[in-house]
Amino acid sequence: MKVKRFSITAAVVMFFPPIVLANTGWDRLCTGFSFLSEASFDSDFRLFAFQKNDDFRDKYSCEMNMNIDLALIGIQERFFGMSRAEIRGGCGESYSGMVFHPYDISFGLIPTLEYRFKRIHVSAGLDHRCFHEIDRDPADPIVYWNKVFFTLNSPHRRLHPYIGRYIGSPSWNGFERLIWSFTWGYYLTKFFGVVKPEKLMTPSRPRYLHDFQLTARYGLVRWGWGAVTMTGVSMIGVKHSGEGIYWAQETGMEALFALRPFDSSLFVNYIFDQGRFNGKDRLLEFGVRVVK
């Protein structure tokens, strides 16, 4: 029986892929392909002060956050498929007077495509987030959303590489001191008629349409194994149907320590927050963080 030429070619591709790749130039692509090449982790515990009313005392006494970043795939050390997972647990003061009473928990899953130029990184992705109250009125809806976003940022905006580069660098110029990130996000309420609107965002709240966020960190002083930085997060957004705007401003200081086996930090922030459903307006937060 005669075997067709394309069948032979298919067999060669299946059983001798290095030969085919070498002959077609695909070896260069495969050489630059990586899987799970980057991973970073950070977790923090923070306490709140200056709760302005009973509602804030009910919600905010302490909080714990855990974040994981993974580079799932990489091509030529330029293009990356990233994934970030965020978990936050909050405690407040119960009606019986218990100070660290679990109040809510939230989850975030953020797949991202990222391209890295020398001086700037460009990324786009989807921010899926949901907020669940614990032992609360079952009539209160679970708040969730899906937000598409576009980000421009400096190369070392993630805390772990920043600590390694900033503290360990022999030079100390403005490029190494400053990290920044600018993000525009749009909250999905429909998706070409394929997904029901109530699957994309809580129907009743929050009525977010889109927002802009600028995050920055600047190194003030450093020594052999540590540094002190100033931090800031500015955000402004627009609500649906002309319902107004919402905004937030966080300003703080963070001391970074390049220790083993984990990098760590101590931080303090003061927060202004107007119009967000989970806003922490006029709270002072201070905490400790570990980074790997």
Protein backbone atom coordinates (compact mmCIF):
# COMPACT_ATOMS: atom_id res chain seq x y z
CA MET A 1 0.00 0.00 0.00
CA LYS A 2 1.32 3.39 -1.02
CA VAL A 3 1.84 5.89 1.82
CA LYS A 4 1.04 9.48 0.98
CA ARG A 5 3.76 12.10 1.38
CA PHE A 6 1.88 14.15 4.00
CA SER A 7 1.48 11.00 6.14
CA ILE A 8 5.23 10.49 6.16
CA THR A 9 5.76 14.13 7.09
CA ALA A 10 3.24 13.81 9.92
CA ALA A 11 5.03 10.73 11.24
CA VAL A 12 8.36 12.55 11.20
CA VAL A 13 6.82 15.47 13.07
CA MET A 14 5.31 13.16 15.68
CA PHE A 15 8.31 10.90 16.30
CA PHE A 16 11.27 13.11 15.39
CA PRO A 17 10.25 16.65 16.33
CA PRO A 18 13.85 17.88 16.92
CA ILE A 19 14.72 17.15 13.28
CA VAL A 20 11.71 19.08 12.01
CA LEU A 21 12.28 21.98 14.38
CA ALA A 22 15.95 22.25 13.49
CA ASN A 23 15.12 22.32 9.79
CA THR A 24 12.35 24.92 10.08
CA GLY A 25 13.88 27.39 12.55
CA TRP A 26 11.41 26.51 15.28
CA ASP A 27 14.30 25.42 17.48
CA ARG A 28 14.98 29.08 18.25
CA LEU A 29 11.44 29.52 19.48
CA CYS A 30 11.52 26.36 21.58
CA THR A 31 14.87 27.34 23.07
CA GLY A 32 13.27 30.59 24.26
CA PHE A 33 10.14 28.93 25.60
CA SER A 34 9.81 28.53 29.36
CA PHE A 35 7.21 27.04 31.68
CA LEU A 36 6.68 28.23 35.27
CA SER A 37 9.89 30.24 35.05
CA GLU A 38 8.90 32.81 37.70
CA ALA A 39 7.04 32.57 40.99
CA SER A 40 6.67 35.03 43.82
CA PHE A 41 4.66 35.07 47.02
CA ASP A 42 3.81 37.72 49.58
CA SER A 43 1.63 37.72 52.67
CA ASP A 44 0.86 40.43 55.20
CA PHE A 45 -0.98 40.98 58.45
CA ARG A 46 -2.29 44.46 59.20
CA LEU A 47 -4.11 46.21 62.05
CA PHE A 48 -6.44 49.19 61.71
CA ALA A 49 -6.85 52.26 63.90
CA PHE A 50 -9.12 55.33 64.00
CA GLN A 51 -12.37 53.58 63.05
CA LYS A 52 -14.79 56.48 62.62
CA ASN A 53 -18.08 54.76 63.56
CA ASP A 54 -19.68 51.50 64.74
CA ASP A 55 -19.92 50.18 61.18
CA PHE A 56 -16.16 50.49 60.74
CA ARG A 57 -15.52 48.86 64.12
CA ASP A 58 -17.75 46.00 62.99
CA LYS A 59 -15.72 45.56 59.79
CA TYR A 60 -12.14 46.62 60.40
CA SER A 61 -9.94 45.49 63.25
CA CYS A 62 -7.38 43.44 61.31
CA GLU A 63 -6.79 41.85 57.93
CA MET A 64 -4.59 39.19 56.37
CA ASN A 65 -3.63 39.03 52.69
CA MET A 66 -1.90 36.35 50.63
CA ASN A 67 -0.87 36.82 46.98
CA ILE A 68 0.81 34.47 44.51
CA ASP A 69 2.24 35.44 41.10
CA LEU A 70 3.19 32.82 38.51
CA ALA A 71 4.69 33.11 35.04
CA LEU A 72 2.88 30.17 33.48
CA ILE A 73 4.63 30.47 30.11
CA GLY A 74 7.36 32.68 28.69
CA ILE A 75 8.68 33.23 25.17
CA GLN A 76 12.14 34.70 24.52
CA GLU A 77 12.07 36.31 27.98
CA ARG A 78 9.81 39.01 26.53
CA PHE A 79 6.26 37.70 26.34
CA PHE A 80 4.67 36.07 29.38
CA GLY A 81 1.39 34.50 30.31
CA MET A 82 0.95 35.41 33.98
CA SER A 83 -1.51 34.42 36.67
CA ARG A 84 -2.09 36.10 40.03
CA ALA A 85 -4.22 34.80 42.90
CA GLU A 86 -5.25 36.97 45.85
CA ILE A 87 -6.94 35.95 49.11
CA ARG A 88 -7.95 38.43 51.80
CA GLY A 89 -9.56 37.71 55.16
CA GLY A 90 -10.91 40.49 57.33
CA CYS A 91 -11.87 40.63 61.01
CA GLY A 92 -13.94 43.15 62.92
CA GLU A 93 -15.46 43.54 66.37
CA SER A 94 -18.52 41.40 67.06
CA TYR A 95 -21.63 42.68 68.81
CA SER A 96 -20.61 40.66 71.87
CA GLY A 97 -17.28 42.52 72.01
CA MET A 98 -15.00 39.91 70.39
CA VAL A 99 -12.22 41.96 68.77
CA PHE A 100 -10.95 39.56 66.09
CA HIS A 101 -14.29 38.29 64.82
CA PRO A 102 -14.16 37.02 61.18
CA TYR A 103 -16.14 39.43 59.04
CA ASP A 104 -15.48 38.69 55.37
CA ILE A 105 -13.23 36.97 52.87
CA SER A 106 -12.47 37.87 49.28
CA PHE A 107 -10.80 36.14 46.35
CA GLY A 108 -9.17 37.46 43.19
CA LEU A 109 -8.01 35.57 40.11
CA ILE A 110 -6.14 37.65 37.54
CA PRO A 111 -4.86 36.06 34.29
CA THR A 112 -2.62 38.46 32.37
CA LEU A 113 -0.64 38.68 29.13
CA GLU A 114 2.53 40.73 29.57
CA TYR A 115 5.16 42.02 27.17
CA ARG A 116 8.43 43.35 28.62
CA PHE A 117 10.34 46.12 26.94
CA LYS A 118 13.61 47.24 28.50
CA ARG A 119 12.24 50.26 30.36
CA ILE A 120 8.53 49.51 30.52
CA HIS A 121 6.22 46.51 30.75
CA VAL A 122 2.82 46.39 29.03
CA SER A 123 0.08 44.02 30.13
CA ALA A 124 -3.62 43.32 29.71
CA GLY A 125 -5.88 40.87 31.47
CA LEU A 126 -9.03 40.06 33.39
CA ASP A 127 -9.56 40.82 37.09
CA HIS A 128 -12.19 38.49 38.56
CA ARG A 129 -13.02 39.34 42.18
CA CYS A 130 -15.65 38.26 44.70
CA PHE A 131 -16.42 39.31 48.28
CA HIS A 132 -18.17 37.04 50.80
CA GLU A 133 -19.42 38.15 54.21
CA ILE A 134 -19.17 35.60 57.03
CA ASP A 135 -22.12 34.84 59.33
CA ARG A 136 -24.06 37.83 58.01
CA ASP A 137 -27.53 38.49 56.67
CA PRO A 138 -28.13 35.96 53.85
CA ALA A 139 -30.21 38.59 52.06
CA ASP A 140 -27.06 40.65 51.42
CA PRO A 141 -25.73 39.80 47.95
CA ILE A 142 -22.25 38.46 47.26
CA VAL A 143 -20.36 41.26 45.55
CA TYR A 144 -18.39 40.21 42.46
CA TRP A 145 -17.15 41.64 39.21
CA ASN A 146 -15.10 40.94 36.10
CA LYS A 147 -12.90 43.81 34.96
CA VAL A 148 -10.72 43.93 31.86
CA PHE A 149 -7.64 46.08 32.34
CA PHE A 150 -4.61 47.53 30.59
CA THR A 151 -1.42 48.34 32.53
CA LEU A 152 1.85 50.16 31.96
CA ASN A 153 4.48 49.71 34.64
CA SER A 154 8.18 49.90 35.44
CA PRO A 155 10.16 46.65 35.10
CA HIS A 156 10.51 45.87 38.82
CA ARG A 157 7.09 46.82 40.19
CA ARG A 158 6.70 43.48 42.00
CA LEU A 159 8.11 43.73 45.47
CA HIS A 160 10.49 40.75 45.50
CA PRO A 161 12.56 41.76 42.43
CA TYR A 162 12.48 45.37 43.60
CA ILE A 163 14.03 44.44 46.95
CA GLY A 164 16.70 42.36 45.22
CA ARG A 165 17.57 45.05 42.69
CA TYR A 166 17.22 48.14 44.86
CA ILE A 167 18.98 46.98 48.00
CA GLY A 168 21.64 44.93 46.23
CA SER A 169 22.45 47.32 43.38
CA PRO A 170 25.85 49.08 43.49
CA SER A 171 24.27 52.19 41.96
CA TRP A 172 21.40 54.20 43.38
CA ASN A 173 19.79 56.23 40.63
CA GLY A 174 16.23 57.40 40.12
CA PHE A 175 15.37 54.49 37.81
CA GLU A 176 16.21 52.00 40.55
CA ARG A 177 14.59 54.00 43.36
CA LEU A 178 11.23 54.48 41.64
CA ILE A 179 8.71 51.82 40.65
CA TRP A 180 5.30 52.72 39.28
CA SER A 181 2.22 51.20 37.69
CA PHE A 182 -0.68 52.83 35.82
CA THR A 183 -3.85 50.82 35.17
CA TRP A 184 -7.11 51.51 33.37
CA GLY A 185 -9.93 49.05 34.06
CA TYR A 186 -13.40 48.57 32.58
CA TYR A 187 -16.09 46.59 34.43
CA LEU A 188 -17.96 44.15 32.23
CA THR A 189 -21.77 44.19 32.32
CA LYS A 190 -22.22 42.38 29.00
CA PHE A 191 -20.10 40.22 26.72
CA PHE A 192 -21.46 40.05 23.14
CA GLY A 193 -24.66 38.45 24.43
CA VAL A 194 -22.80 35.23 25.27
CA VAL A 195 -22.85 35.62 29.07
CA LYS A 196 -25.80 36.83 31.12
CA PRO A 197 -25.11 40.24 32.73
CA GLU A 198 -25.77 38.91 36.25
CA LYS A 199 -22.93 36.40 35.72
CA LEU A 200 -20.44 39.19 35.10
CA MET A 201 -21.20 41.63 37.92
CA THR A 202 -23.47 41.89 40.96
CA PRO A 203 -26.68 43.45 39.58
CA SER A 204 -27.37 45.72 42.56
CA ARG A 205 -23.90 46.97 43.55
CA PRO A 206 -21.30 48.29 43.18
CA ARG A 207 -22.23 50.39 40.15
CA TYR A 208 -18.68 50.75 38.85
CA LEU A 209 -18.09 51.58 35.16
CA HIS A 210 -14.35 52.15 34.80
CA ASP A 211 -11.43 53.48 36.83
CA PHE A 212 -7.81 54.60 36.72
CA GLN A 213 -5.16 53.69 39.29
CA LEU A 214 -1.60 54.93 39.78
CA THR A 215 0.71 53.08 42.19
CA ALA A 216 4.20 54.29 43.07
CA ARG A 217 7.07 53.48 45.42
CA TYR A 218 10.20 55.59 45.90
CA GLY A 219 13.33 54.67 47.82
CA LEU A 220 14.37 57.26 50.38
CA VAL A 221 17.34 55.68 52.10
CA ARG A 222 19.05 52.29 52.18
CA TRP A 223 21.75 50.40 54.03
CA GLY A 224 23.45 47.00 53.65
CA TRP A 225 20.37 44.81 54.15
CA GLY A 226 17.44 47.22 54.20
CA ALA A 227 15.77 50.34 52.86
CA VAL A 228 12.98 52.80 53.63
CA THR A 229 10.51 53.68 50.87
CA MET A 230 7.54 56.00 50.43
CA THR A 231 4.43 54.45 48.89
CA GLY A 232 1.26 55.79 47.31
CA VAL A 233 -1.87 54.54 45.56
CA SER A 234 -4.21 56.98 43.78
CA MET A 235 -7.47 55.80 42.23
CA ILE A 236 -10.46 57.52 40.61
CA GLY A 237 -13.43 55.86 38.94
CA VAL A 238 -16.79 56.57 37.33
CA LYS A 239 -20.11 54.90 38.16
CA HIS A 240 -22.86 53.89 35.76
CA SER A 241 -25.67 56.20 34.62
CA GLY A 242 -24.06 59.38 35.86
CA GLU A 243 -24.19 58.28 39.50
CA GLY A 244 -20.96 60.11 40.25
CA ILE A 245 -17.36 59.18 40.90
CA TYR A 246 -15.46 57.24 43.53
CA TRP A 247 -11.87 57.80 44.56
CA ALA A 248 -9.23 56.68 47.02
CA GLN A 249 -5.79 57.81 48.12
CA GLU A 250 -3.35 55.77 50.20
CA THR A 251 -0.08 57.26 51.41
CA GLY A 252 2.47 55.45 53.50
CA MET A 253 5.98 54.35 54.37
CA GLU A 254 7.51 50.88 54.19
CA ALA A 255 10.80 49.60 55.59
CA LEU A 256 12.19 46.71 53.50
CA PHE A 257 14.57 44.03 54.77
CA ALA A 258 16.53 41.69 52.50
CA LEU A 259 16.77 38.75 54.90
CA ARG A 260 16.82 34.97 54.53
CA PRO A 261 14.90 32.81 53.90
CA PHE A 262 12.26 35.52 53.26
CA ASP A 263 12.42 39.20 52.47
CA SER A 264 10.20 41.16 54.83
CA SER A 265 8.89 44.63 55.59
CA LEU A 266 7.09 46.83 58.09
CA PHE A 267 4.59 49.34 56.72
CA VAL A 268 2.10 52.03 57.68
CA ASN A 269 -0.58 53.65 55.46
CA TYR A 270 -3.25 56.32 55.87
CA ILE A 271 -6.34 55.96 53.68
CA PHE A 272 -8.88 58.37 52.21
CA ASP A 273 -11.68 56.52 50.43
CA GLN A 274 -14.92 57.90 49.04
CA GLY A 275 -17.63 56.03 47.15
CA ARG A 276 -16.37 52.42 47.19
CA PHE A 277 -18.59 49.80 48.79
CA ASN A 278 -15.71 48.44 50.90
CA GLY A 279 -13.92 51.75 51.45
CA LYS A 280 -11.61 52.23 54.43
CA ASP A 281 -11.96 55.98 54.68
CA ARG A 282 -9.68 57.66 57.27
CA LEU A 283 -8.26 54.40 58.57
CA LEU A 284 -4.64 54.08 59.64
CA GLU A 285 -3.21 50.66 58.89
CA PHE A 286 0.10 49.24 60.00
CA GLY A 287 1.46 45.77 59.45
CA VAL A 288 4.17 43.28 58.64
CA ARG A 289 4.84 41.54 55.32
CA VAL A 290 6.89 38.57 54.14
CA VAL A 291 7.99 38.19 50.51
CA LYS A 292 9.57 35.33 48.58
